[in-house]
Amino acid sequence: MNPIAIAQYGLIAATNRFSESAQRVSKMSIDGVDVDVVREIVDMKLAQAGVSANAAVIRTADQMQGVVLDILA
């Protein structure tokens, strides 16, 4: 199991979630399109948290690999 690869997929999913929400918000100005702004803000915040969490996983996995290499050297 590769934590960096898993976190990369998580980053992709989170950025896609944010992008989809942003697209829905951008359609607010179109007549007849009903957008729940509160829901979209929550989705964007969840996407932001997902990006932060997955970036933290990548940083931690990188640090752990560095420690293992230092031990083996």
Foldseek 3Di string as FASTA:
>chain_A
DDLLVVLVVLLVVLVVQLVVLVVLVVCVVPPPRDDDVVVSVVSNVVSVVSNVVSVVSNVVVVVVVVVVVVVVD
